């Protein structure tokens, strides 16, 4: 299960870079077949290959492990910022207001 989630993140990071598995393979010295196997969750890279992949994808480990680590926040925050930046200023303002209301409600419920 974890391998599939990590593989999905590897694929998302690669696609965000706008490169194919073959291009990532050339960039990293890994094979396209190996990258495909990782992306499908059929294999989990050992530490050395993981570092090579992360460097090739130009991301931190947090970008890959954010779905499986309980305390992973920086990548999620960055991803949220990217999504918000793609919206109009009016939409950003509305979303910020909704988030503020949700935080107030959460604080009241748990306070």
PDB file of N, CA and C in Angstrom:
ATOM      1  N   UNK A   1       0.828  -1.203   0.000  1.00  0.00           N
ATOM      2  CA  UNK A   1       0.000   0.000   0.000  1.00  0.00           C
ATOM      3  C   UNK A   1       0.869   1.261   0.000  1.00  0.00           C
ATOM      4  N   UNK A   2       1.879   1.285   0.885  1.00  0.00           N
ATOM      5  CA  UNK A   2       2.759   2.455   0.948  1.00  0.00           C
ATOM      6  C   UNK A   2       3.524   2.604  -0.356  1.00  0.00           C
ATOM      7  N   UNK A   3       3.993   1.470  -0.918  1.00  0.00           N
ATOM      8  CA  UNK A   3       4.742   1.531  -2.180  1.00  0.00           C
ATOM      9  C   UNK A   3       3.910   2.169  -3.284  1.00  0.00           C
ATOM     10  N   UNK A   4       2.629   1.867  -3.326  1.00  0.00           N
ATOM     11  CA  UNK A   4       1.761   2.444  -4.359  1.00  0.00           C
ATOM     12  C   UNK A   4       1.597   3.953  -4.175  1.00  0.00           C
ATOM     13  N   UNK A   5       1.450   4.389  -2.930  1.00  0.00           N
ATOM     14  CA  UNK A   5       1.307   5.832  -2.676  1.00  0.00           C
ATOM     15  C   UNK A   5       2.595   6.572  -3.012  1.00  0.00           C
ATOM     16  N   UNK A   6       3.710   5.990  -2.661  1.00  0.00           N
ATOM     17  CA  UNK A   6       4.993   6.620  -2.974  1.00  0.00           C
ATOM     18  C   UNK A   6       5.216   6.623  -4.476  1.00  0.00           C
ATOM     19  N   UNK A   7       4.884   5.521  -5.124  1.00  0.00           N
ATOM     20  CA  UNK A   7       5.005   5.446  -6.579  1.00  0.00           C
ATOM     21  C   UNK A   7       4.149   6.498  -7.270  1.00  0.00           C
ATOM     22  N   UNK A   8       2.945   6.709  -6.746  1.00  0.00           N
ATOM     23  CA  UNK A   8       2.046   7.730  -7.296  1.00  0.00           C
ATOM     24  C   UNK A   8       2.677   9.112  -7.171  1.00  0.00           C
ATOM     25  N   UNK A   9       3.317   9.383  -6.038  1.00  0.00           N
ATOM     26  CA  UNK A   9       3.978  10.679  -5.826  1.00  0.00           C
ATOM     27  C   UNK A   9       5.168  10.853  -6.767  1.00  0.00           C
ATOM     28  N   UNK A  10       5.929   9.782  -6.967  1.00  0.00           N
ATOM     29  CA  UNK A  10       7.058   9.852  -7.901  1.00  0.00           C
ATOM     30  C   UNK A  10       6.541  10.238  -9.286  1.00  0.00           C
ATOM     31  N   UNK A  11       5.464   9.589  -9.699  1.00  0.00           N
ATOM     32  CA  UNK A  11       4.877   9.885 -11.005  1.00  0.00           C
ATOM     33  C   UNK A  11       4.387  11.329 -11.072  1.00  0.00           C
ATOM     34  N   UNK A  12       3.707  11.796 -10.017  1.00  0.00           N
ATOM     35  CA  UNK A  12       3.212  13.176  -9.999  1.00  0.00           C
ATOM     36  C   UNK A  12       4.365  14.178 -10.096  1.00  0.00           C
ATOM     37  N   UNK A  13       5.426  13.913  -9.372  1.00  0.00           N
ATOM     38  CA  UNK A  13       6.590  14.814  -9.413  1.00  0.00           C
ATOM     39  C   UNK A  13       7.214  14.825 -10.805  1.00  0.00           C
ATOM     40  N   UNK A  14       7.295  13.653 -11.416  1.00  0.00           N
ATOM     41  CA  UNK A  14       7.863  13.565 -12.771  1.00  0.00           C
ATOM     42  C   UNK A  14       6.987  14.327 -13.762  1.00  0.00           C
ATOM     43  N   UNK A  15       5.690  14.125 -13.659  1.00  0.00           N
ATOM     44  CA  UNK A  15       4.770  14.807 -14.574  1.00  0.00           C
ATOM     45  C   UNK A  15       4.775  16.319 -14.339  1.00  0.00           C
ATOM     46  N   UNK A  16       4.914  16.730 -13.084  1.00  0.00           N
ATOM     47  CA  UNK A  16       4.988  18.163 -12.772  1.00  0.00           C
ATOM     48  C   UNK A  16       6.225  18.791 -13.431  1.00  0.00           C
ATOM     49  N   UNK A  17       7.298  18.006 -13.536  1.00  0.00           N
ATOM     50  CA  UNK A  17       8.503  18.476 -14.229  1.00  0.00           C
ATOM     51  C   UNK A  17       8.306  18.494 -15.743  1.00  0.00           C
ATOM     52  N   UNK A  18       7.290  17.770 -16.202  1.00  0.00           N
ATOM     53  CA  UNK A  18       7.000  17.723 -17.636  1.00  0.00           C
ATOM     54  C   UNK A  18       7.943  16.818 -18.402  1.00  0.00           C
ATOM     55  N   UNK A  19       8.405  15.749 -17.748  1.00  0.00           N
ATOM     56  CA  UNK A  19       9.317  14.829 -18.434  1.00  0.00           C
ATOM     57  C   UNK A  19       8.738  13.418 -18.445  1.00  0.00           C
ATOM     58  N   UNK A  20       9.176  12.642 -19.412  1.00  0.00           N
ATOM     59  CA  UNK A  20       8.733  11.257 -19.549  1.00  0.00           C
ATOM     60  C   UNK A  20       9.583  10.353 -18.659  1.00  0.00           C
ATOM     61  N   UNK A  21       9.164   9.118 -18.524  1.00  0.00           N
ATOM     62  CA  UNK A  21       9.968   8.150 -17.785  1.00  0.00           C
ATOM     63  C   UNK A  21      11.331   7.983 -18.441  1.00  0.00           C
ATOM     64  N   UNK A  22      11.356   8.002 -19.763  1.00  0.00           N
ATOM     65  CA  UNK A  22      12.614   7.867 -20.490  1.00  0.00           C
ATOM     66  C   UNK A  22      13.552   9.045 -20.217  1.00  0.00           C
ATOM     67  N   UNK A  23      12.972  10.244 -20.166  1.00  0.00           N
ATOM     68  CA  UNK A  23      13.791  11.433 -19.884  1.00  0.00           C
ATOM     69  C   UNK A  23      14.325  11.404 -18.455  1.00  0.00           C
ATOM     70  N   UNK A  24      13.496  10.951 -17.511  1.00  0.00           N
ATOM     71  CA  UNK A  24      13.960  10.828 -16.133  1.00  0.00           C
ATOM     72  C   UNK A  24      15.052   9.758 -16.047  1.00  0.00           C
ATOM     73  N   UNK A  25      14.885   8.701 -16.810  1.00  0.00           N
ATOM     74  CA  UNK A  25      15.897   7.646 -16.831  1.00  0.00           C
ATOM     75  C   UNK A  25      17.234   8.189 -17.325  1.00  0.00           C
ATOM     76  N   UNK A  26      17.199   8.958 -18.399  1.00  0.00           N
ATOM     77  CA  UNK A  26      18.433   9.562 -18.923  1.00  0.00           C
ATOM     78  C   UNK A  26      19.057  10.503 -17.898  1.00  0.00           C
ATOM     79  N   UNK A  27      18.223  11.265 -17.244  1.00  0.00           N
ATOM     80  CA  UNK A  27      18.691  12.260 -16.278  1.00  0.00           C
ATOM     81  C   UNK A  27      19.338  11.603 -15.052  1.00  0.00           C
ATOM     82  N   UNK A  28      18.833  10.425 -14.673  1.00  0.00           N
ATOM     83  CA  UNK A  28      19.276   9.778 -13.439  1.00  0.00           C
ATOM     84  C   UNK A  28      20.232   8.610 -13.642  1.00  0.00           C
ATOM     85  N   UNK A  29      20.261   8.076 -14.849  1.00  0.00           N
ATOM     86  CA  UNK A  29      21.074   6.875 -15.074  1.00  0.00           C
ATOM     87  C   UNK A  29      20.346   5.595 -14.694  1.00  0.00           C
ATOM     88  N   UNK A  30      19.088   5.716 -14.319  1.00  0.00           N
ATOM     89  CA  UNK A  30      18.256   4.548 -14.040  1.00  0.00           C
ATOM     90  C   UNK A  30      17.564   4.141 -15.333  1.00  0.00           C
ATOM     91  N   UNK A  31      16.935   2.983 -15.353  1.00  0.00           N
ATOM     92  CA  UNK A  31      16.230   2.578 -16.567  1.00  0.00           C
ATOM     93  C   UNK A  31      14.777   3.044 -16.506  1.00  0.00           C
ATOM     94  N   UNK A  32      14.188   3.254 -17.661  1.00  0.00           N
ATOM     95  CA  UNK A  32      12.780   3.637 -17.736  1.00  0.00           C
ATOM     96  C   UNK A  32      11.911   2.522 -17.158  1.00  0.00           C
ATOM     97  N   UNK A  33      12.316   1.276 -17.358  1.00  0.00           N
ATOM     98  CA  UNK A  33      11.581   0.140 -16.814  1.00  0.00           C
ATOM     99  C   UNK A  33      11.583   0.179 -15.284  1.00  0.00           C
ATOM    100  N   UNK A  34      12.714   0.508 -14.702  1.00  0.00           N
ATOM    101  CA  UNK A  34      12.807   0.601 -13.238  1.00  0.00           C
ATOM    102  C   UNK A  34      11.903   1.726 -12.724  1.00  0.00           C
ATOM    103  N   UNK A  35      11.944   2.870 -13.380  1.00  0.00           N
ATOM    104  CA  UNK A  35      11.105   4.004 -12.973  1.00  0.00           C
ATOM    105  C   UNK A  35       9.633   3.635 -13.074  1.00  0.00           C
ATOM    106  N   UNK A  36       9.256   2.946 -14.125  1.00  0.00           N
ATOM    107  CA  UNK A  36       7.884   2.485 -14.286  1.00  0.00           C
ATOM    108  C   UNK A  36       7.481   1.550 -13.151  1.00  0.00           C
ATOM    109  N   UNK A  37       8.388   0.663 -12.777  1.00  0.00           N
ATOM    110  CA  UNK A  37       8.122  -0.287 -11.694  1.00  0.00           C
ATOM    111  C   UNK A  37       7.906   0.453 -10.371  1.00  0.00           C
ATOM    112  N   UNK A  38       8.717   1.470 -10.122  1.00  0.00           N
ATOM    113  CA  UNK A  38       8.563   2.271  -8.900  1.00  0.00           C
ATOM    114  C   UNK A  38       7.235   3.028  -8.932  1.00  0.00           C
ATOM    115  N   UNK A  39       6.934   3.662 -10.061  1.00  0.00           N
ATOM    116  CA  UNK A  39       5.702   4.456 -10.171  1.00  0.00           C
ATOM    117  C   UNK A  39       4.450   3.607  -9.999  1.00  0.00           C
ATOM    118  N   UNK A  40       4.511   2.352 -10.393  1.00  0.00           N
ATOM    119  CA  UNK A  40       3.359   1.463 -10.246  1.00  0.00           C
ATOM    120  C   UNK A  40       3.285   0.839  -8.852  1.00  0.00           C
ATOM    121  N   UNK A  41       4.281   1.142  -8.011  1.00  0.00           N
ATOM    122  CA  UNK A  41       4.280   0.596  -6.656  1.00  0.00           C
ATOM    123  C   UNK A  41       4.709  -0.844  -6.584  1.00  0.00           C
ATOM    124  N   UNK A  42       5.345  -1.334  -7.626  1.00  0.00           N
ATOM    125  CA  UNK A  42       5.779  -2.723  -7.666  1.00  0.00           C
ATOM    126  C   UNK A  42       7.166  -2.905  -7.045  1.00  0.00           C
ATOM    127  N   UNK A  43       7.861  -1.801  -6.859  1.00  0.00           N
ATOM    128  CA  UNK A  43       9.203  -1.836  -6.290  1.00  0.00           C
ATOM    129  C   UNK A  43       9.417  -0.563  -5.495  1.00  0.00           C
ATOM    130  N   UNK A  44      10.178  -0.687  -4.417  1.00  0.00           N
ATOM    131  CA  UNK A  44      10.534   0.492  -3.636  1.00  0.00           C
ATOM    132  C   UNK A  44      12.038   0.663  -3.716  1.00  0.00           C
ATOM    133  N   UNK A  45      12.494   1.858  -4.124  1.00  0.00           N
ATOM    134  CA  UNK A  45      13.935   2.044  -4.305  1.00  0.00           C
ATOM    135  C   UNK A  45      14.706   2.016  -2.989  1.00  0.00           C
ATOM    136  N   UNK A  46      15.863   1.390  -3.028  1.00  0.00           N
ATOM    137  CA  UNK A  46      16.760   1.445  -1.874  1.00  0.00           C
ATOM    138  C   UNK A  46      17.265   2.876  -1.740  1.00  0.00           C
ATOM    139  N   UNK A  47      17.889   3.148  -0.631  1.00  0.00           N
ATOM    140  CA  UNK A  47      18.290   4.510  -0.273  1.00  0.00           C
ATOM    141  C   UNK A  47      19.072   5.202  -1.396  1.00  0.00           C
ATOM    142  N   UNK A  48      20.075   4.553  -1.949  1.00  0.00           N
ATOM    143  CA  UNK A  48      20.907   5.188  -2.975  1.00  0.00           C
ATOM    144  C   UNK A  48      20.084   5.566  -4.211  1.00  0.00           C
ATOM    145  N   UNK A  49      19.248   4.649  -4.661  1.00  0.00           N
ATOM    146  CA  UNK A  49      18.426   4.930  -5.839  1.00  0.00           C
ATOM    147  C   UNK A  49      17.344   5.959  -5.530  1.00  0.00           C
ATOM    148  N   UNK A  50      16.848   5.950  -4.310  1.00  0.00           N
ATOM    149  CA  UNK A  50      15.852   6.942  -3.910  1.00  0.00           C
ATOM    150  C   UNK A  50      16.450   8.344  -3.989  1.00  0.00           C
ATOM    151  N   UNK A  51      17.667   8.498  -3.511  1.00  0.00           N
ATOM    152  CA  UNK A  51      18.339   9.798  -3.573  1.00  0.00           C
ATOM    153  C   UNK A  51      18.553  10.219  -5.022  1.00  0.00           C
ATOM    154  N   UNK A  52      18.930   9.286  -5.868  1.00  0.00           N
ATOM    155  CA  UNK A  52      19.107   9.582  -7.293  1.00  0.00           C
ATOM    156  C   UNK A  52      17.782  10.043  -7.898  1.00  0.00           C
ATOM    157  N   UNK A  53      16.699   9.346  -7.557  1.00  0.00           N
ATOM    158  CA  UNK A  53      15.370   9.720  -8.066  1.00  0.00           C
ATOM    159  C   UNK A  53      14.970  11.113  -7.585  1.00  0.00           C
ATOM    160  N   UNK A  54      15.141  11.370  -6.293  1.00  0.00           N
ATOM    161  CA  UNK A  54      14.766  12.670  -5.732  1.00  0.00           C
ATOM    162  C   UNK A  54      15.542  13.798  -6.403  1.00  0.00           C
ATOM    163  N   UNK A  55      16.829  13.574  -6.605  1.00  0.00           N
ATOM    164  CA  UNK A  55      17.637  14.592  -7.286  1.00  0.00           C
ATOM    165  C   UNK A  55      17.183  14.774  -8.732  1.00  0.00           C
ATOM    166  N   UNK A  56      16.866  13.693  -9.397  1.00  0.00           N
ATOM    167  CA  UNK A  56      16.385  13.774 -10.776  1.00  0.00           C
ATOM    168  C   UNK A  56      15.043  14.475 -10.880  1.00  0.00           C
ATOM    169  N   UNK A  57      14.217  14.285  -9.859  1.00  0.00           N
ATOM    170  CA  UNK A  57      12.894  14.922  -9.831  1.00  0.00           C
ATOM    171  C   UNK A  57      12.955  16.341  -9.276  1.00  0.00           C
ATOM    172  N   UNK A  58      14.106  16.706  -8.743  1.00  0.00           N
ATOM    173  CA  UNK A  58      14.333  18.042  -8.185  1.00  0.00           C
ATOM    174  C   UNK A  58      13.372  18.335  -7.030  1.00  0.00           C
ATOM    175  N   UNK A  59      13.189  17.327  -6.160  1.00  0.00           N
ATOM    176  CA  UNK A  59      12.312  17.475  -5.002  1.00  0.00           C
ATOM    177  C   UNK A  59      13.002  16.936  -3.748  1.00  0.00           C
ATOM    178  N   UNK A  60      12.455  17.302  -2.603  1.00  0.00           N
ATOM    179  CA  UNK A  60      12.939  16.759  -1.337  1.00  0.00           C
ATOM    180  C   UNK A  60      12.215  15.446  -1.053  1.00  0.00           C
ATOM    181  N   UNK A  61      12.706  14.727  -0.075  1.00  0.00           N
ATOM    182  CA  UNK A  61      12.069  13.468   0.314  1.00  0.00           C
ATOM    183  C   UNK A  61      10.630  13.701   0.772  1.00  0.00           C
ATOM    184  N   UNK A  62      10.373  14.865   1.329  1.00  0.00           N
ATOM    185  CA  UNK A  62       9.032  15.194   1.799  1.00  0.00           C
ATOM    186  C   UNK A  62       8.011  15.129   0.659  1.00  0.00           C
ATOM    187  N   UNK A  63       8.424  15.459  -0.537  1.00  0.00           N
ATOM    188  CA  UNK A  63       7.517  15.421  -1.684  1.00  0.00           C
ATOM    189  C   UNK A  63       7.045  14.005  -1.984  1.00  0.00           C
ATOM    190  N   UNK A  64       7.881  13.035  -1.685  1.00  0.00           N
ATOM    191  CA  UNK A  64       7.549  11.639  -1.958  1.00  0.00           C
ATOM    192  C   UNK A  64       6.844  10.985  -0.774  1.00  0.00           C
ATOM    193  N   UNK A  65       7.270  11.334   0.435  1.00  0.00           N
ATOM    194  CA  UNK A  65       6.760  10.679   1.631  1.00  0.00           C
ATOM    195  C   UNK A  65       5.617  11.412   2.314  1.00  0.00           C
ATOM    196  N   UNK A  66       5.158  12.518   1.757  1.00  0.00           N
ATOM    197  CA  UNK A  66       4.144  13.336   2.439  1.00  0.00           C
ATOM    198  C   UNK A  66       2.854  12.577   2.721  1.00  0.00           C
ATOM    199  N   UNK A  67       2.547  11.563   1.941  1.00  0.00           N
ATOM    200  CA  UNK A  67       1.319  10.799   2.176  1.00  0.00           C
ATOM    201  C   UNK A  67       1.473   9.728   3.243  1.00  0.00           C
ATOM    202  N   UNK A  68       2.710   9.398   3.594  1.00  0.00           N
ATOM    203  CA  UNK A  68       2.924   8.294   4.527  1.00  0.00           C
ATOM    204  C   UNK A  68       3.531   8.730   5.857  1.00  0.00           C
ATOM    205  N   UNK A  69       4.040   9.965   5.928  1.00  0.00           N
ATOM    206  CA  UNK A  69       4.595  10.478   7.175  1.00  0.00           C
ATOM    207  C   UNK A  69       3.563  11.355   7.875  1.00  0.00           C
ATOM    208  N   UNK A  70       3.361  11.111   9.142  1.00  0.00           N
ATOM    209  CA  UNK A  70       2.362  11.873   9.886  1.00  0.00           C
ATOM    210  C   UNK A  70       2.734  13.333  10.043  1.00  0.00           C
ATOM    211  N   UNK A  71       4.011  13.638  10.095  1.00  0.00           N
ATOM    212  CA  UNK A  71       4.448  15.007  10.377  1.00  0.00           C
ATOM    213  C   UNK A  71       5.007  15.716   9.158  1.00  0.00           C
ATOM    214  N   UNK A  72       4.583  15.327   8.003  1.00  0.00           N
ATOM    215  CA  UNK A  72       5.052  15.937   6.769  1.00  0.00           C
ATOM    216  C   UNK A  72       4.146  17.099   6.408  1.00  0.00           C
ATOM    217  N   UNK A  73       4.665  18.326   6.491  1.00  0.00           N
ATOM    218  CA  UNK A  73       3.817  19.478   6.228  1.00  0.00           C
ATOM    219  C   UNK A  73       4.361  20.419   5.171  1.00  0.00           C
ATOM    220  N   UNK A  74       5.665  20.523   5.032  1.00  0.00           N
ATOM    221  CA  UNK A  74       6.208  21.546   4.133  1.00  0.00           C
ATOM    222  C   UNK A  74       5.806  21.308   2.688  1.00  0.00           C
ATOM    223  N   UNK A  75       5.820  20.050   2.240  1.00  0.00           N
ATOM    224  CA  UNK A  75       5.452  19.788   0.856  1.00  0.00           C
ATOM    225  C   UNK A  75       3.961  20.033   0.644  1.00  0.00           C
ATOM    226  N   UNK A  76       3.145  19.612   1.593  1.00  0.00           N
ATOM    227  CA  UNK A  76       1.702  19.823   1.465  1.00  0.00           C
ATOM    228  C   UNK A  76       1.393  21.312   1.416  1.00  0.00           C
ATOM    229  N   UNK A  77       2.088  22.090   2.218  1.00  0.00           N
ATOM    230  CA  UNK A  77       1.893  23.541   2.202  1.00  0.00           C
ATOM    231  C   UNK A  77       2.303  24.120   0.864  1.00  0.00           C
ATOM    232  N   UNK A  78       3.404  23.639   0.336  1.00  0.00           N
ATOM    233  CA  UNK A  78       3.889  24.111  -0.960  1.00  0.00           C
ATOM    234  C   UNK A  78       2.897  23.748  -2.067  1.00  0.00           C
ATOM    235  N   UNK A  79       2.391  22.529  -2.016  1.00  0.00           N
ATOM    236  CA  UNK A  79       1.428  22.081  -3.017  1.00  0.00           C
ATOM    237  C   UNK A  79       0.149  22.925  -2.950  1.00  0.00           C
ATOM    238  N   UNK A  80      -0.307  23.217  -1.741  1.00  0.00           N
ATOM    239  CA  UNK A  80      -1.494  24.049  -1.559  1.00  0.00           C
ATOM    240  C   UNK A  80      -1.241  25.450  -2.105  1.00  0.00           C
ATOM    241  N   UNK A  81      -0.073  25.999  -1.835  1.00  0.00           N
ATOM    242  CA  UNK A  81       0.278  27.330  -2.342  1.00  0.00           C
ATOM    243  C   UNK A  81       0.257  27.372  -3.861  1.00  0.00           C
ATOM    244  N   UNK A  82       0.793  26.327  -4.487  1.00  0.00           N
ATOM    245  CA  UNK A  82       0.791  26.263  -5.952  1.00  0.00           C
ATOM    246  C   UNK A  82      -0.631  26.265  -6.501  1.00  0.00           C
ATOM    247  N   UNK A  83      -1.494  25.490  -5.876  1.00  0.00           N
ATOM    248  CA  UNK A  83      -2.883  25.411  -6.333  1.00  0.00           C
ATOM    249  C   UNK A  83      -3.585  26.751  -6.163  1.00  0.00           C
ATOM    250  N   UNK A  84      -3.357  27.395  -5.035  1.00  0.00           N
ATOM    251  CA  UNK A  84      -3.976  28.704  -4.804  1.00  0.00           C
ATOM    252  C   UNK A  84      -3.461  29.748  -5.787  1.00  0.00           C
ATOM    253  N   UNK A  85      -2.184  29.691  -6.100  1.00  0.00           N
ATOM    254  CA  UNK A  85      -1.582  30.670  -7.005  1.00  0.00           C
ATOM    255  C   UNK A  85      -2.197  30.604  -8.400  1.00  0.00           C
ATOM    256  N   UNK A  86      -2.757  29.465  -8.761  1.00  0.00           N
ATOM    257  CA  UNK A  86      -3.345  29.320 -10.096  1.00  0.00           C
ATOM    258  C   UNK A  86      -4.745  29.936 -10.188  1.00  0.00           C
ATOM    259  N   UNK A  87      -5.280  30.369  -9.045  1.00  0.00           N
ATOM    260  CA  UNK A  87      -6.629  30.936  -9.015  1.00  0.00           C
ATOM    261  C   UNK A  87      -6.606  32.459  -9.099  1.00  0.00           C
ATOM    262  N   UNK A  88      -7.744  33.022  -9.405  1.00  0.00           N
ATOM    263  CA  UNK A  88      -7.866  34.483  -9.447  1.00  0.00           C
ATOM    264  C   UNK A  88      -7.737  35.041  -8.033  1.00  0.00           C
ATOM    265  N   UNK A  89      -7.382  36.316  -7.905  1.00  0.00           N
ATOM    266  CA  UNK A  89      -7.305  36.924  -6.570  1.00  0.00           C
ATOM    267  C   UNK A  89      -8.617  36.824  -5.792  1.00  0.00           C
ATOM    268  N   UNK A  90      -9.744  36.953  -6.496  1.00  0.00           N
ATOM    269  CA  UNK A  90     -11.043  36.862  -5.828  1.00  0.00           C
ATOM    270  C   UNK A  90     -11.265  35.452  -5.266  1.00  0.00           C
ATOM    271  N   UNK A  91     -10.920  34.450  -6.052  1.00  0.00           N
ATOM    272  CA  UNK A  91     -11.082  33.069  -5.597  1.00  0.00           C
ATOM    273  C   UNK A  91     -10.142  32.784  -4.428  1.00  0.00           C
ATOM    274  N   UNK A  92      -8.929  33.298  -4.498  1.00  0.00           N
ATOM    275  CA  UNK A  92      -7.976  33.120  -3.391  1.00  0.00           C
ATOM    276  C   UNK A  92      -8.538  33.717  -2.105  1.00  0.00           C
ATOM    277  N   UNK A  93      -9.125  34.906  -2.212  1.00  0.00           N
ATOM    278  CA  UNK A  93      -9.681  35.577  -1.039  1.00  0.00           C
ATOM    279  C   UNK A  93     -10.829  34.763  -0.448  1.00  0.00           C
ATOM    280  N   UNK A  94     -11.721  34.246  -1.314  1.00  0.00           N
ATOM    281  CA  UNK A  94     -12.849  33.446  -0.833  1.00  0.00           C
ATOM    282  C   UNK A  94     -12.355  32.179  -0.119  1.00  0.00           C
ATOM    283  N   UNK A  95     -11.364  31.532  -0.697  1.00  0.00           N
ATOM    284  CA  UNK A  95     -10.837  30.306  -0.101  1.00  0.00           C
ATOM    285  C   UNK A  95     -10.171  30.609   1.232  1.00  0.00           C
ATOM    286  N   UNK A  96      -9.423  31.687   1.302  1.00  0.00           N
ATOM    287  CA  UNK A  96      -8.790  32.080   2.568  1.00  0.00           C
ATOM    288  C   UNK A  96      -9.845  32.337   3.639  1.00  0.00           C
ATOM    289  N   UNK A  97     -10.941  32.997   3.267  1.00  0.00           N
ATOM    290  CA  UNK A  97     -12.013  33.261   4.226  1.00  0.00           C
ATOM    291  C   UNK A  97     -12.630  31.943   4.715  1.00  0.00           C
ATOM    292  N   UNK A  98     -12.824  30.995   3.790  1.00  0.00           N
ATOM    293  CA  UNK A  98     -13.380  29.695   4.183  1.00  0.00           C
ATOM    294  C   UNK A  98     -12.429  28.960   5.121  1.00  0.00           C
ATOM    295  N   UNK A  99     -11.149  29.000   4.821  1.00  0.00           N
ATOM    296  CA  UNK A  99     -10.161  28.329   5.666  1.00  0.00           C
ATOM    297  C   UNK A  99     -10.140  28.960   7.058  1.00  0.00           C
ATOM    298  N   UNK A 100     -10.184  30.275   7.109  1.00  0.00           N
ATOM    299  CA  UNK A 100     -10.198  30.959   8.404  1.00  0.00           C
ATOM    300  C   UNK A 100     -11.421  30.557   9.228  1.00  0.00           C
ATOM    301  N   UNK A 101     -12.575  30.459   8.578  1.00  0.00           N
ATOM    302  CA  UNK A 101     -13.786  30.023   9.284  1.00  0.00           C
ATOM    303  C   UNK A 101     -13.650  28.586   9.784  1.00  0.00           C
ATOM    304  N   UNK A 102     -13.071  27.739   8.958  1.00  0.00           N
ATOM    305  CA  UNK A 102     -12.876  26.344   9.349  1.00  0.00           C
ATOM    306  C   UNK A 102     -11.921  26.238  10.536  1.00  0.00           C
ATOM    307  N   UNK A 103     -10.872  27.034  10.528  1.00  0.00           N
ATOM    308  CA  UNK A 103      -9.917  27.031  11.642  1.00  0.00           C
ATOM    309  C   UNK A 103     -10.596  27.518  12.919  1.00  0.00           C
ATOM    310  N   UNK A 104     -11.404  28.574  12.804  1.00  0.00           N
ATOM    311  CA  UNK A 104     -12.131  29.079  13.973  1.00  0.00           C
ATOM    312  C   UNK A 104     -13.058  27.996  14.529  1.00  0.00           C
ATOM    313  N   UNK A 105     -13.753  27.302  13.636  1.00  0.00           N
ATOM    314  CA  UNK A 105     -14.670  26.244  14.059  1.00  0.00           C
ATOM    315  C   UNK A 105     -13.906  25.101  14.718  1.00  0.00           C
ATOM    316  N   UNK A 106     -12.798  24.718  14.123  1.00  0.00           N
ATOM    317  CA  UNK A 106     -11.976  23.632  14.679  1.00  0.00           C
ATOM    318  C   UNK A 106     -11.440  24.005  16.054  1.00  0.00           C
ATOM    319  N   UNK A 107     -10.999  25.237  16.185  1.00  0.00           N
ATOM    320  CA  UNK A 107     -10.482  25.728  17.467  1.00  0.00           C
ATOM    321  C   UNK A 107     -11.591  25.737  18.519  1.00  0.00           C
ATOM    322  N   UNK A 108     -12.776  26.173  18.138  1.00  0.00           N
ATOM    323  CA  UNK A 108     -13.906  26.205  19.066  1.00  0.00           C
ATOM    324  C   UNK A 108     -14.302  24.787  19.485  1.00  0.00           C
ATOM    325  N   UNK A 109     -14.298  23.852  18.531  1.00  0.00           N
ATOM    326  CA  UNK A 109     -14.679  22.467  18.828  1.00  0.00           C
ATOM    327  C   UNK A 109     -13.677  21.773  19.748  1.00  0.00           C
ATOM    328  N   UNK A 110     -12.408  22.104  19.577  1.00  0.00           N
ATOM    329  CA  UNK A 110     -11.361  21.435  20.349  1.00  0.00           C
ATOM    330  C   UNK A 110     -10.857  22.257  21.528  1.00  0.00           C
ATOM    331  N   UNK A 111     -11.354  23.479  21.658  1.00  0.00           N
ATOM    332  CA  UNK A 111     -10.861  24.390  22.685  1.00  0.00           C
ATOM    333  C   UNK A 111     -11.519  24.196  23.968  1.00  0.00           C
TER     334      UNK A 111
END
